[in-house]
């Protein structure tokens, strides 16, 4: 009986002395850069993450993680993860930069750009830096890419996936009511022009 109590006490003491697991790092403007060396930051920038797990796999669990990231970026309930589909590149194999003008993106980055990144749990990953060795992590970055930026660089290793959600600003599409007013305006202008009669005077 005494042996049992001593063993229980020793086990409790061993658990109590174990260091608490560190938290994941918080994303920051110094995570990504338009230049390789020296790293520079984007003027307009926001981010959400890092969170544990894969946010970009398309599964129900991934969408929950993506929703957490969107809530962190835009505020709770403002954006819906179901509305977010992007062009995804998997198998980065730890790369620390990518040229977006090559496949599968085939574009340059312009203006406000939203990307998602997923890192494995390997050497130099956000998970390892945060003390969660072997855990994968996800993050969203929203930044002003400027004009025709092709290459993006990042400071963490063990990159796995990158997703381009939006870049640049698309022309505003008029609302149906605006279209109706425009058509009515053209029709009215046409009828006014048709109704005018030109008077010819001879001297």
N, C-alpha and C. Protein backbone atom coordinates (compact mmCIF):
# COMPACT_ATOMS: atom_id res chain seq x y z
N UNK A 1 0.83 -1.20 0.00
CA UNK A 1 0.00 0.00 0.00
C UNK A 1 0.87 1.25 0.00
N UNK A 2 1.91 1.26 0.86
CA UNK A 2 2.83 2.41 0.91
C UNK A 2 3.54 2.60 -0.42
N UNK A 3 3.92 1.47 -1.06
CA UNK A 3 4.59 1.54 -2.36
C UNK A 3 3.69 2.22 -3.39
N UNK A 4 2.41 1.88 -3.34
CA UNK A 4 1.43 2.44 -4.26
C UNK A 4 1.32 3.96 -4.08
N UNK A 5 1.27 4.41 -2.84
CA UNK A 5 1.17 5.84 -2.54
C UNK A 5 2.42 6.58 -2.99
N UNK A 6 3.59 5.97 -2.70
CA UNK A 6 4.86 6.59 -3.10
C UNK A 6 4.94 6.69 -4.61
N UNK A 7 4.53 5.65 -5.35
CA UNK A 7 4.56 5.66 -6.82
C UNK A 7 3.64 6.75 -7.35
N UNK A 8 2.44 6.86 -6.79
CA UNK A 8 1.49 7.88 -7.23
C UNK A 8 2.04 9.28 -7.00
N UNK A 9 2.67 9.49 -5.85
CA UNK A 9 3.25 10.80 -5.53
C UNK A 9 4.39 11.14 -6.49
N UNK A 10 5.24 10.16 -6.78
CA UNK A 10 6.36 10.39 -7.69
C UNK A 10 5.86 10.71 -9.10
N UNK A 11 4.81 9.99 -9.55
CA UNK A 11 4.24 10.25 -10.88
C UNK A 11 3.67 11.66 -10.94
N UNK A 12 2.94 12.05 -9.89
CA UNK A 12 2.35 13.40 -9.84
C UNK A 12 3.44 14.46 -9.88
N UNK A 13 4.52 14.23 -9.13
CA UNK A 13 5.63 15.18 -9.08
C UNK A 13 6.29 15.30 -10.45
N UNK A 14 6.45 14.16 -11.15
CA UNK A 14 7.08 14.17 -12.47
C UNK A 14 6.24 14.96 -13.47
N UNK A 15 4.92 14.78 -13.39
CA UNK A 15 4.03 15.52 -14.30
C UNK A 15 4.09 17.01 -13.99
N UNK A 16 4.11 17.35 -12.71
CA UNK A 16 4.13 18.76 -12.29
C UNK A 16 5.38 19.49 -12.74
N UNK A 17 6.53 18.76 -12.81
CA UNK A 17 7.79 19.43 -13.17
C UNK A 17 7.97 19.61 -14.66
N UNK A 18 7.16 18.92 -15.47
CA UNK A 18 7.30 19.06 -16.92
C UNK A 18 7.00 20.50 -17.33
N UNK A 19 7.83 21.07 -18.24
CA UNK A 19 7.60 22.46 -18.66
C UNK A 19 6.30 22.58 -19.43
N UNK A 20 5.61 23.70 -19.23
CA UNK A 20 4.37 23.95 -19.97
C UNK A 20 4.72 24.16 -21.44
N UNK A 21 3.81 23.69 -22.31
CA UNK A 21 4.05 23.82 -23.73
C UNK A 21 3.92 25.28 -24.14
N UNK A 22 4.88 25.76 -24.90
CA UNK A 22 4.85 27.16 -25.32
C UNK A 22 3.71 27.39 -26.32
N UNK A 23 3.27 28.62 -26.43
CA UNK A 23 2.19 28.96 -27.36
C UNK A 23 2.76 29.15 -28.75
N UNK A 24 1.89 29.02 -29.75
CA UNK A 24 2.30 29.27 -31.13
C UNK A 24 2.66 30.75 -31.28
N UNK A 25 3.58 31.06 -32.20
CA UNK A 25 3.89 32.47 -32.42
C UNK A 25 2.69 33.19 -33.03
N UNK A 26 2.62 34.49 -32.83
CA UNK A 26 1.58 35.31 -33.45
C UNK A 26 2.15 35.83 -34.76
N UNK A 27 1.34 35.76 -35.82
CA UNK A 27 1.82 36.24 -37.12
C UNK A 27 2.14 37.73 -37.03
N UNK A 28 3.05 38.18 -37.89
CA UNK A 28 3.42 39.60 -37.88
C UNK A 28 3.88 40.04 -39.26
N UNK A 29 4.04 41.35 -39.42
CA UNK A 29 4.44 41.94 -40.70
C UNK A 29 5.81 41.45 -41.14
N UNK A 30 6.62 40.98 -40.20
CA UNK A 30 7.96 40.52 -40.57
C UNK A 30 7.99 39.07 -41.05
N UNK A 31 6.81 38.43 -41.15
CA UNK A 31 6.74 37.03 -41.61
C UNK A 31 6.98 36.89 -43.10
N UNK A 32 6.45 37.86 -43.88
CA UNK A 32 6.54 37.78 -45.34
C UNK A 32 7.14 39.06 -45.87
N UNK A 33 7.70 38.98 -47.08
CA UNK A 33 8.40 40.15 -47.63
C UNK A 33 8.36 40.13 -49.15
N UNK A 34 8.37 41.33 -49.78
CA UNK A 34 8.49 41.39 -51.24
C UNK A 34 9.94 41.27 -51.70
N UNK A 35 10.89 41.28 -50.76
CA UNK A 35 12.30 41.18 -51.12
C UNK A 35 12.97 40.06 -50.33
N UNK A 36 13.96 39.45 -50.94
CA UNK A 36 14.64 38.32 -50.30
C UNK A 36 15.60 38.78 -49.22
N UNK A 37 16.48 39.70 -49.55
CA UNK A 37 17.46 40.14 -48.57
C UNK A 37 17.86 41.58 -48.90
N UNK A 38 17.71 42.49 -47.98
CA UNK A 38 17.13 42.31 -46.65
C UNK A 38 15.61 42.23 -46.72
N UNK A 39 15.01 41.56 -45.74
CA UNK A 39 13.55 41.45 -45.64
C UNK A 39 12.98 42.85 -45.42
N UNK A 40 11.94 43.19 -46.18
CA UNK A 40 11.24 44.45 -45.96
C UNK A 40 9.78 44.12 -45.66
N UNK A 41 9.02 45.10 -45.17
CA UNK A 41 7.64 44.82 -44.83
C UNK A 41 6.70 45.54 -45.78
N UNK A 42 5.45 45.06 -45.83
CA UNK A 42 4.43 45.67 -46.66
C UNK A 42 3.80 46.84 -45.90
N UNK A 43 3.50 47.92 -46.63
CA UNK A 43 2.93 49.11 -45.99
C UNK A 43 1.60 48.84 -45.32
N UNK A 44 0.68 48.27 -46.08
CA UNK A 44 -0.64 47.94 -45.52
C UNK A 44 -0.65 46.45 -45.27
N UNK A 45 -0.90 46.04 -44.02
CA UNK A 45 -0.71 44.63 -43.66
C UNK A 45 -1.60 44.24 -42.49
N UNK A 46 -2.14 43.02 -42.55
CA UNK A 46 -2.83 42.41 -41.42
C UNK A 46 -2.68 40.90 -41.57
N UNK A 47 -2.87 40.19 -40.46
CA UNK A 47 -2.76 38.73 -40.54
C UNK A 47 -3.58 38.09 -39.43
N UNK A 48 -3.80 36.79 -39.56
CA UNK A 48 -4.53 36.01 -38.55
C UNK A 48 -3.87 34.65 -38.43
N UNK A 49 -3.44 34.30 -37.26
CA UNK A 49 -2.75 33.03 -37.02
C UNK A 49 -1.53 33.30 -36.16
N UNK A 50 -0.79 32.32 -35.88
CA UNK A 50 -0.87 30.95 -36.36
C UNK A 50 -1.85 30.15 -35.52
N UNK A 51 -2.56 29.22 -36.18
CA UNK A 51 -3.42 28.29 -35.46
C UNK A 51 -2.96 26.88 -35.80
N UNK A 52 -3.23 25.97 -34.89
CA UNK A 52 -2.83 24.59 -35.12
C UNK A 52 -3.79 23.93 -36.10
N UNK A 53 -3.24 23.18 -37.06
CA UNK A 53 -4.07 22.43 -38.01
C UNK A 53 -3.97 22.95 -39.43
N UNK A 54 -4.60 22.20 -40.33
CA UNK A 54 -4.60 22.49 -41.76
C UNK A 54 -5.92 23.18 -42.12
N UNK A 55 -5.84 24.47 -42.51
CA UNK A 55 -7.04 25.25 -42.79
C UNK A 55 -7.46 25.21 -44.25
N UNK A 56 -6.67 24.59 -45.12
CA UNK A 56 -6.90 24.75 -46.55
C UNK A 56 -7.11 23.42 -47.29
N UNK A 57 -7.56 22.38 -46.58
CA UNK A 57 -7.75 21.07 -47.21
C UNK A 57 -9.15 20.89 -47.77
N UNK A 58 -10.08 21.79 -47.43
CA UNK A 58 -11.43 21.69 -47.97
C UNK A 58 -12.37 20.81 -47.16
N UNK A 59 -11.87 20.13 -46.14
CA UNK A 59 -12.72 19.28 -45.30
C UNK A 59 -13.51 20.16 -44.32
N UNK A 60 -14.50 19.55 -43.65
CA UNK A 60 -15.30 20.29 -42.67
C UNK A 60 -14.41 20.81 -41.55
N UNK A 61 -13.46 19.99 -41.10
CA UNK A 61 -12.54 20.41 -40.03
C UNK A 61 -11.66 21.57 -40.50
N UNK A 62 -11.18 21.50 -41.74
CA UNK A 62 -10.36 22.57 -42.30
C UNK A 62 -11.15 23.87 -42.39
N UNK A 63 -12.42 23.77 -42.80
CA UNK A 63 -13.25 24.98 -42.91
C UNK A 63 -13.47 25.63 -41.55
N UNK A 64 -13.56 24.80 -40.51
CA UNK A 64 -13.69 25.36 -39.16
C UNK A 64 -12.44 26.16 -38.79
N UNK A 65 -11.27 25.62 -39.15
CA UNK A 65 -10.01 26.31 -38.86
C UNK A 65 -9.91 27.59 -39.69
N UNK A 66 -10.31 27.51 -40.98
CA UNK A 66 -10.31 28.69 -41.84
C UNK A 66 -11.25 29.75 -41.29
N UNK A 67 -12.41 29.32 -40.77
CA UNK A 67 -13.36 30.27 -40.19
C UNK A 67 -12.74 31.00 -39.00
N UNK A 68 -12.00 30.25 -38.18
CA UNK A 68 -11.31 30.87 -37.03
C UNK A 68 -10.33 31.95 -37.52
N UNK A 69 -9.61 31.65 -38.59
CA UNK A 69 -8.65 32.62 -39.15
C UNK A 69 -9.37 33.84 -39.72
N UNK A 70 -10.48 33.62 -40.44
CA UNK A 70 -11.24 34.73 -41.01
C UNK A 70 -11.83 35.61 -39.91
N UNK A 71 -12.32 34.98 -38.85
CA UNK A 71 -12.86 35.74 -37.72
C UNK A 71 -11.77 36.60 -37.08
N UNK A 72 -10.55 36.04 -37.01
CA UNK A 72 -9.44 36.79 -36.44
C UNK A 72 -9.02 37.96 -37.31
N UNK A 73 -9.22 37.82 -38.62
CA UNK A 73 -8.79 38.86 -39.57
C UNK A 73 -9.84 39.95 -39.75
N UNK A 74 -11.12 39.54 -39.88
CA UNK A 74 -12.18 40.49 -40.21
C UNK A 74 -13.16 40.76 -39.07
N UNK A 75 -13.12 39.94 -38.02
CA UNK A 75 -14.11 40.04 -36.95
C UNK A 75 -15.07 38.86 -37.03
N UNK A 76 -15.59 38.46 -35.89
CA UNK A 76 -16.45 37.27 -35.82
C UNK A 76 -17.70 37.44 -36.67
N UNK A 77 -17.95 36.43 -37.52
CA UNK A 77 -19.17 36.39 -38.31
C UNK A 77 -19.22 37.31 -39.51
N UNK A 78 -18.15 38.06 -39.80
CA UNK A 78 -18.17 39.00 -40.94
C UNK A 78 -17.99 38.25 -42.26
N UNK A 79 -17.10 37.28 -42.30
CA UNK A 79 -16.85 36.49 -43.52
C UNK A 79 -17.18 35.03 -43.25
N UNK A 80 -17.62 34.33 -44.30
CA UNK A 80 -17.99 32.93 -44.18
C UNK A 80 -16.98 32.07 -44.94
N UNK A 81 -16.40 31.09 -44.27
CA UNK A 81 -15.38 30.23 -44.89
C UNK A 81 -15.91 29.52 -46.13
N UNK A 82 -17.23 29.26 -46.19
CA UNK A 82 -17.81 28.59 -47.36
C UNK A 82 -17.69 29.44 -48.63
N UNK A 83 -17.52 30.75 -48.47
CA UNK A 83 -17.41 31.65 -49.62
C UNK A 83 -15.98 31.78 -50.13
N UNK A 84 -15.05 31.11 -49.45
CA UNK A 84 -13.64 31.29 -49.80
C UNK A 84 -13.08 30.08 -50.53
N UNK A 85 -12.84 30.26 -51.82
CA UNK A 85 -12.13 29.25 -52.60
C UNK A 85 -10.99 29.99 -53.27
N UNK A 86 -9.87 29.38 -53.35
CA UNK A 86 -8.72 30.04 -53.96
C UNK A 86 -7.94 29.06 -54.80
N UNK A 87 -6.88 29.55 -55.41
CA UNK A 87 -5.97 28.69 -56.16
C UNK A 87 -4.91 28.20 -55.19
N UNK A 88 -4.76 26.87 -55.11
CA UNK A 88 -3.88 26.29 -54.09
C UNK A 88 -2.69 25.58 -54.74
N UNK A 89 -1.54 25.78 -54.13
CA UNK A 89 -0.34 25.04 -54.51
C UNK A 89 0.09 24.20 -53.32
N UNK A 90 0.12 22.89 -53.50
CA UNK A 90 0.56 21.98 -52.44
C UNK A 90 1.97 21.49 -52.75
N UNK A 91 2.60 20.91 -51.74
CA UNK A 91 3.91 20.32 -51.96
C UNK A 91 5.03 21.34 -52.08
N UNK A 92 5.00 22.38 -51.26
CA UNK A 92 6.06 23.39 -51.29
C UNK A 92 7.39 22.81 -50.80
N UNK A 93 7.32 21.72 -50.05
CA UNK A 93 8.52 21.01 -49.58
C UNK A 93 9.51 21.90 -48.84
N UNK A 94 8.96 22.82 -48.03
CA UNK A 94 9.84 23.65 -47.21
C UNK A 94 10.39 24.88 -47.90
N UNK A 95 9.93 25.16 -49.14
CA UNK A 95 10.41 26.35 -49.86
C UNK A 95 10.15 27.60 -49.03
N UNK A 96 10.98 28.62 -49.22
CA UNK A 96 10.82 29.86 -48.46
C UNK A 96 10.53 31.05 -49.36
N UNK A 97 10.10 30.75 -50.60
CA UNK A 97 9.65 31.79 -51.53
C UNK A 97 8.88 31.12 -52.65
N UNK A 98 8.12 31.94 -53.39
CA UNK A 98 7.44 31.40 -54.57
C UNK A 98 7.19 32.53 -55.56
N UNK A 99 7.26 32.18 -56.86
CA UNK A 99 7.00 33.11 -57.94
C UNK A 99 5.56 32.91 -58.40
N UNK A 100 4.68 33.87 -58.06
CA UNK A 100 3.27 33.74 -58.37
C UNK A 100 2.96 33.86 -59.86
N UNK A 101 3.94 34.33 -60.64
CA UNK A 101 3.69 34.43 -62.08
C UNK A 101 3.80 33.06 -62.75
N UNK A 102 4.25 32.04 -62.00
CA UNK A 102 4.30 30.68 -62.55
C UNK A 102 3.08 29.88 -62.08
N UNK A 103 2.91 28.69 -62.67
CA UNK A 103 1.76 27.84 -62.36
C UNK A 103 1.77 27.45 -60.89
N UNK A 104 0.64 27.27 -60.26
CA UNK A 104 -0.72 27.30 -60.82
C UNK A 104 -1.37 28.69 -60.79
N UNK A 105 -0.65 29.70 -60.27
CA UNK A 105 -1.27 31.02 -60.10
C UNK A 105 -1.27 31.83 -61.40
N UNK A 106 -0.14 31.83 -62.08
CA UNK A 106 -0.01 32.53 -63.37
C UNK A 106 -0.48 33.98 -63.32
N UNK A 107 -0.07 34.69 -62.28
CA UNK A 107 -0.46 36.08 -62.14
C UNK A 107 0.60 36.82 -61.33
N UNK A 108 0.57 38.13 -61.41
CA UNK A 108 1.36 38.92 -60.48
C UNK A 108 0.40 39.44 -59.42
N UNK A 109 0.95 39.81 -58.27
CA UNK A 109 0.12 40.29 -57.17
C UNK A 109 0.01 41.81 -57.26
N UNK A 110 -1.22 42.30 -57.14
CA UNK A 110 -1.47 43.74 -57.25
C UNK A 110 -2.44 44.18 -56.17
N UNK A 111 -2.11 45.28 -55.51
CA UNK A 111 -3.02 45.84 -54.52
C UNK A 111 -3.27 44.88 -53.36
N UNK A 112 -4.45 45.02 -52.74
CA UNK A 112 -4.76 44.19 -51.58
C UNK A 112 -4.87 42.73 -51.97
N UNK A 113 -4.09 41.92 -51.30
CA UNK A 113 -3.95 40.50 -51.63
C UNK A 113 -4.17 39.67 -50.38
N UNK A 114 -4.93 38.58 -50.51
CA UNK A 114 -5.18 37.67 -49.40
C UNK A 114 -4.63 36.30 -49.75
N UNK A 115 -3.69 35.82 -48.92
CA UNK A 115 -3.16 34.46 -49.11
C UNK A 115 -3.27 33.68 -47.81
N UNK A 116 -3.33 32.38 -47.94
CA UNK A 116 -3.28 31.48 -46.79
C UNK A 116 -2.05 30.60 -46.92
N UNK A 117 -1.42 30.28 -45.79
CA UNK A 117 -0.26 29.40 -45.81
C UNK A 117 -0.38 28.33 -44.74
N UNK A 118 0.10 27.13 -45.10
CA UNK A 118 0.11 26.01 -44.18
C UNK A 118 1.55 25.51 -44.04
N UNK A 119 1.96 25.27 -42.80
CA UNK A 119 3.32 24.79 -42.52
C UNK A 119 3.23 23.45 -41.79
N UNK A 120 4.13 22.55 -42.14
CA UNK A 120 4.23 21.29 -41.41
C UNK A 120 4.95 21.51 -40.08
N UNK A 121 5.21 20.42 -39.38
CA UNK A 121 5.81 20.56 -38.05
C UNK A 121 7.32 20.38 -38.03
N UNK A 122 7.96 20.50 -39.20
CA UNK A 122 9.40 20.25 -39.28
C UNK A 122 10.27 21.37 -38.74
N UNK A 123 11.56 21.21 -38.96
CA UNK A 123 12.57 22.16 -38.49
C UNK A 123 12.29 23.57 -38.99
N UNK A 124 12.23 24.54 -38.07
CA UNK A 124 12.06 25.94 -38.44
C UNK A 124 10.62 26.35 -38.73
N UNK A 125 9.66 25.44 -38.51
CA UNK A 125 8.26 25.78 -38.75
C UNK A 125 7.71 26.62 -37.60
N UNK A 126 6.59 27.32 -37.80
CA UNK A 126 5.98 28.08 -36.70
C UNK A 126 5.64 27.18 -35.51
N UNK A 127 5.21 25.95 -35.82
CA UNK A 127 4.87 25.01 -34.74
C UNK A 127 6.06 24.68 -33.87
N UNK A 128 7.20 24.48 -34.50
CA UNK A 128 8.40 24.14 -33.74
C UNK A 128 8.89 25.35 -32.95
N UNK A 129 8.81 26.53 -33.58
CA UNK A 129 9.20 27.76 -32.89
C UNK A 129 8.32 27.97 -31.66
N UNK A 130 7.03 27.59 -31.80
CA UNK A 130 6.10 27.74 -30.69
C UNK A 130 6.14 26.59 -29.70
N UNK A 131 7.05 25.65 -29.88
CA UNK A 131 7.18 24.55 -28.94
C UNK A 131 6.24 23.39 -29.21
N UNK A 132 5.58 23.39 -30.39
CA UNK A 132 4.66 22.31 -30.73
C UNK A 132 5.28 21.43 -31.81
N UNK A 133 6.46 20.93 -31.57
CA UNK A 133 7.20 20.15 -32.55
C UNK A 133 6.32 19.03 -33.11
N UNK A 134 6.32 18.93 -34.44
CA UNK A 134 5.54 17.88 -35.07
C UNK A 134 4.11 18.29 -35.38
N UNK A 135 3.71 19.52 -35.02
CA UNK A 135 2.35 19.98 -35.28
C UNK A 135 2.35 20.92 -36.48
N UNK A 136 1.29 20.82 -37.30
CA UNK A 136 1.20 21.74 -38.43
C UNK A 136 0.38 22.96 -38.05
N UNK A 137 0.58 24.06 -38.79
CA UNK A 137 -0.06 25.33 -38.46
C UNK A 137 -0.53 26.04 -39.73
N UNK A 138 -1.49 26.96 -39.57
CA UNK A 138 -2.03 27.72 -40.69
C UNK A 138 -2.11 29.20 -40.33
N UNK A 139 -2.10 30.04 -41.37
CA UNK A 139 -2.12 31.50 -41.18
C UNK A 139 -2.73 32.15 -42.41
N UNK A 140 -3.35 33.33 -42.24
CA UNK A 140 -3.82 34.16 -43.35
C UNK A 140 -3.05 35.48 -43.33
N UNK A 141 -2.66 35.96 -44.51
CA UNK A 141 -2.00 37.25 -44.64
C UNK A 141 -2.80 38.12 -45.61
N UNK A 142 -3.10 39.36 -45.20
CA UNK A 142 -3.77 40.35 -46.05
C UNK A 142 -2.82 41.54 -46.16
N UNK A 143 -2.38 41.85 -47.37
CA UNK A 143 -1.36 42.90 -47.52
C UNK A 143 -1.49 43.60 -48.86
N UNK A 144 -0.92 44.80 -48.93
CA UNK A 144 -0.90 45.56 -50.17
C UNK A 144 0.37 45.17 -50.93
N UNK A 145 0.19 44.43 -52.00
CA UNK A 145 1.33 43.91 -52.77
C UNK A 145 1.95 44.96 -53.68
N UNK A 146 1.32 46.14 -53.79
CA UNK A 146 1.85 47.14 -54.71
C UNK A 146 1.46 46.81 -56.14
N UNK A 147 2.41 46.94 -57.07
CA UNK A 147 2.12 46.71 -58.48
C UNK A 147 2.99 45.59 -59.05
N UNK A 148 2.33 44.61 -59.64
CA UNK A 148 2.99 43.52 -60.36
C UNK A 148 4.10 42.83 -59.56
N UNK A 149 3.79 42.47 -58.33
CA UNK A 149 4.74 41.71 -57.51
C UNK A 149 4.65 40.25 -57.90
N UNK A 150 5.77 39.64 -58.25
CA UNK A 150 5.73 38.22 -58.63
C UNK A 150 6.24 37.33 -57.50
N UNK A 151 7.35 37.71 -56.87
CA UNK A 151 7.96 36.85 -55.85
C UNK A 151 7.57 37.26 -54.44
N UNK A 152 7.24 36.26 -53.63
CA UNK A 152 6.93 36.47 -52.22
C UNK A 152 7.87 35.60 -51.41
N UNK A 153 8.41 36.16 -50.32
CA UNK A 153 9.37 35.45 -49.47
C UNK A 153 8.80 35.35 -48.06
N UNK A 154 9.13 34.28 -47.34
CA UNK A 154 8.67 34.14 -45.96
C UNK A 154 9.79 33.59 -45.10
N UNK A 155 9.68 33.84 -43.78
CA UNK A 155 10.79 33.52 -42.88
C UNK A 155 10.73 32.12 -42.27
N UNK A 156 9.55 31.48 -42.30
CA UNK A 156 9.43 30.16 -41.67
C UNK A 156 9.74 29.05 -42.66
N UNK A 157 10.30 27.97 -42.12
CA UNK A 157 10.60 26.80 -42.93
C UNK A 157 9.43 25.83 -42.86
N UNK A 158 9.56 24.68 -43.48
CA UNK A 158 8.56 23.60 -43.46
C UNK A 158 7.24 24.02 -44.11
N UNK A 159 7.31 24.92 -45.10
CA UNK A 159 6.10 25.31 -45.80
C UNK A 159 5.53 24.11 -46.55
N UNK A 160 4.21 24.05 -46.60
CA UNK A 160 3.55 22.92 -47.23
C UNK A 160 2.61 23.36 -48.35
N UNK A 161 1.68 24.27 -48.02
CA UNK A 161 0.70 24.75 -49.01
C UNK A 161 0.63 26.28 -48.97
N UNK A 162 0.29 26.84 -50.13
CA UNK A 162 -0.02 28.26 -50.20
C UNK A 162 -1.28 28.42 -51.04
N UNK A 163 -2.20 29.28 -50.61
CA UNK A 163 -3.46 29.50 -51.32
C UNK A 163 -3.60 30.98 -51.62
N UNK A 164 -3.85 31.30 -52.89
CA UNK A 164 -4.12 32.69 -53.28
C UNK A 164 -5.63 32.85 -53.36
N UNK A 165 -6.19 33.70 -52.49
CA UNK A 165 -7.62 33.94 -52.48
C UNK A 165 -7.99 35.12 -53.38
N UNK A 166 -7.38 36.26 -53.15
CA UNK A 166 -7.70 37.43 -53.98
C UNK A 166 -6.44 38.28 -54.15
N UNK A 167 -6.38 38.97 -55.28
CA UNK A 167 -5.33 39.97 -55.49
C UNK A 167 -5.87 41.02 -56.44
N UNK A 168 -5.47 42.27 -56.24
CA UNK A 168 -5.93 43.35 -57.10
C UNK A 168 -7.37 43.71 -56.82
N UNK A 169 -7.83 44.74 -57.50
CA UNK A 169 -9.22 45.13 -57.32
C UNK A 169 -9.93 44.93 -58.64
N UNK A 170 -11.07 44.26 -58.59
CA UNK A 170 -11.83 44.06 -59.83
C UNK A 170 -12.77 45.24 -60.03
N UNK A 171 -13.11 45.53 -61.28
CA UNK A 171 -14.01 46.64 -61.53
C UNK A 171 -15.36 46.38 -60.84
N UNK A 172 -15.95 47.43 -60.32
CA UNK A 172 -17.23 47.27 -59.62
C UNK A 172 -18.31 46.86 -60.61
N UNK A 173 -19.12 45.88 -60.24
CA UNK A 173 -20.22 45.44 -61.09
C UNK A 173 -21.47 46.18 -60.63
N UNK A 174 -22.13 46.91 -61.55
CA UNK A 174 -23.32 47.66 -61.13
C UNK A 174 -24.42 46.74 -60.59
N UNK A 175 -25.16 47.24 -59.61
CA UNK A 175 -26.29 46.49 -59.03
C UNK A 175 -27.41 46.47 -60.07
N UNK A 176 -28.35 45.50 -59.96
CA UNK A 176 -29.47 45.44 -60.92
C UNK A 176 -30.25 46.76 -61.02
N UNK A 177 -30.46 47.44 -59.88
CA UNK A 177 -31.21 48.71 -59.89
C UNK A 177 -30.46 49.77 -60.70
N UNK A 178 -29.12 49.74 -60.58
CA UNK A 178 -28.30 50.71 -61.33
C UNK A 178 -28.41 50.44 -62.82
N UNK A 179 -28.36 49.12 -63.18
CA UNK A 179 -28.52 48.76 -64.60
C UNK A 179 -29.86 49.27 -65.12
N UNK A 180 -30.93 49.08 -64.33
CA UNK A 180 -32.27 49.49 -64.76
C UNK A 180 -32.32 51.00 -65.01
N UNK A 181 -31.72 51.77 -64.10
CA UNK A 181 -31.69 53.23 -64.27
C UNK A 181 -30.91 53.64 -65.52
N UNK A 182 -29.78 52.96 -65.74
CA UNK A 182 -28.95 53.28 -66.91
C UNK A 182 -29.72 52.99 -68.21
N UNK A 183 -30.40 51.85 -68.26
CA UNK A 183 -31.15 51.49 -69.48
C UNK A 183 -32.29 52.47 -69.70
N UNK A 184 -32.99 52.81 -68.59
CA UNK A 184 -34.09 53.78 -68.71
C UNK A 184 -33.56 55.12 -69.19
N UNK A 185 -32.40 55.52 -68.69
CA UNK A 185 -31.78 56.79 -69.11
C UNK A 185 -31.45 56.80 -70.59
N UNK A 186 -30.88 55.67 -71.09
CA UNK A 186 -30.56 55.59 -72.52
C UNK A 186 -31.84 55.65 -73.36
N UNK A 187 -32.87 54.94 -72.86
CA UNK A 187 -34.14 54.94 -73.60
C UNK A 187 -34.74 56.33 -73.68
N UNK A 188 -34.71 57.06 -72.55
CA UNK A 188 -35.25 58.42 -72.51
C UNK A 188 -34.47 59.34 -73.43
N UNK A 189 -33.14 59.22 -73.39
CA UNK A 189 -32.30 60.06 -74.27
C UNK A 189 -32.61 59.77 -75.73
N UNK A 190 -32.80 58.49 -76.07
CA UNK A 190 -33.12 58.10 -77.45
C UNK A 190 -34.45 58.67 -77.91
N UNK A 191 -35.47 58.60 -77.03
CA UNK A 191 -36.79 59.10 -77.43
C UNK A 191 -36.78 60.62 -77.58
N UNK A 192 -36.03 61.33 -76.74
CA UNK A 192 -35.91 62.79 -76.86
C UNK A 192 -35.27 63.15 -78.19
N UNK A 193 -34.20 62.43 -78.53
CA UNK A 193 -33.52 62.73 -79.79
C UNK A 193 -34.40 62.43 -80.99
N UNK A 194 -35.18 61.33 -80.90
CA UNK A 194 -36.06 60.97 -82.01
C UNK A 194 -37.20 61.97 -82.17
N UNK A 195 -37.65 62.52 -81.06
CA UNK A 195 -38.80 63.44 -81.09
C UNK A 195 -38.46 64.82 -81.62
N UNK A 196 -37.20 65.15 -81.68
CA UNK A 196 -36.81 66.48 -82.17
C UNK A 196 -36.94 66.54 -83.68
N UNK A 197 -37.55 67.63 -84.16
CA UNK A 197 -37.63 67.81 -85.61
C UNK A 197 -36.75 69.00 -85.97
N UNK A 198 -35.98 68.84 -86.98
CA UNK A 198 -35.12 69.93 -87.40
C UNK A 198 -35.87 70.82 -88.39
N UNK A 199 -35.95 72.09 -88.12
CA UNK A 199 -36.61 73.02 -89.03
C UNK A 199 -35.57 73.60 -89.97
N UNK A 200 -35.87 73.51 -91.24
CA UNK A 200 -34.97 74.07 -92.23
C UNK A 200 -35.58 75.36 -92.75
N UNK A 201 -34.83 76.44 -92.74
CA UNK A 201 -35.32 77.72 -93.22
C UNK A 201 -34.56 78.11 -94.48
N UNK A 202 -35.34 78.63 -95.46
CA UNK A 202 -34.70 79.11 -96.67
C UNK A 202 -34.80 80.62 -96.69
N UNK A 203 -33.71 81.25 -97.06
CA UNK A 203 -33.72 82.71 -97.09
C UNK A 203 -34.31 83.20 -98.38
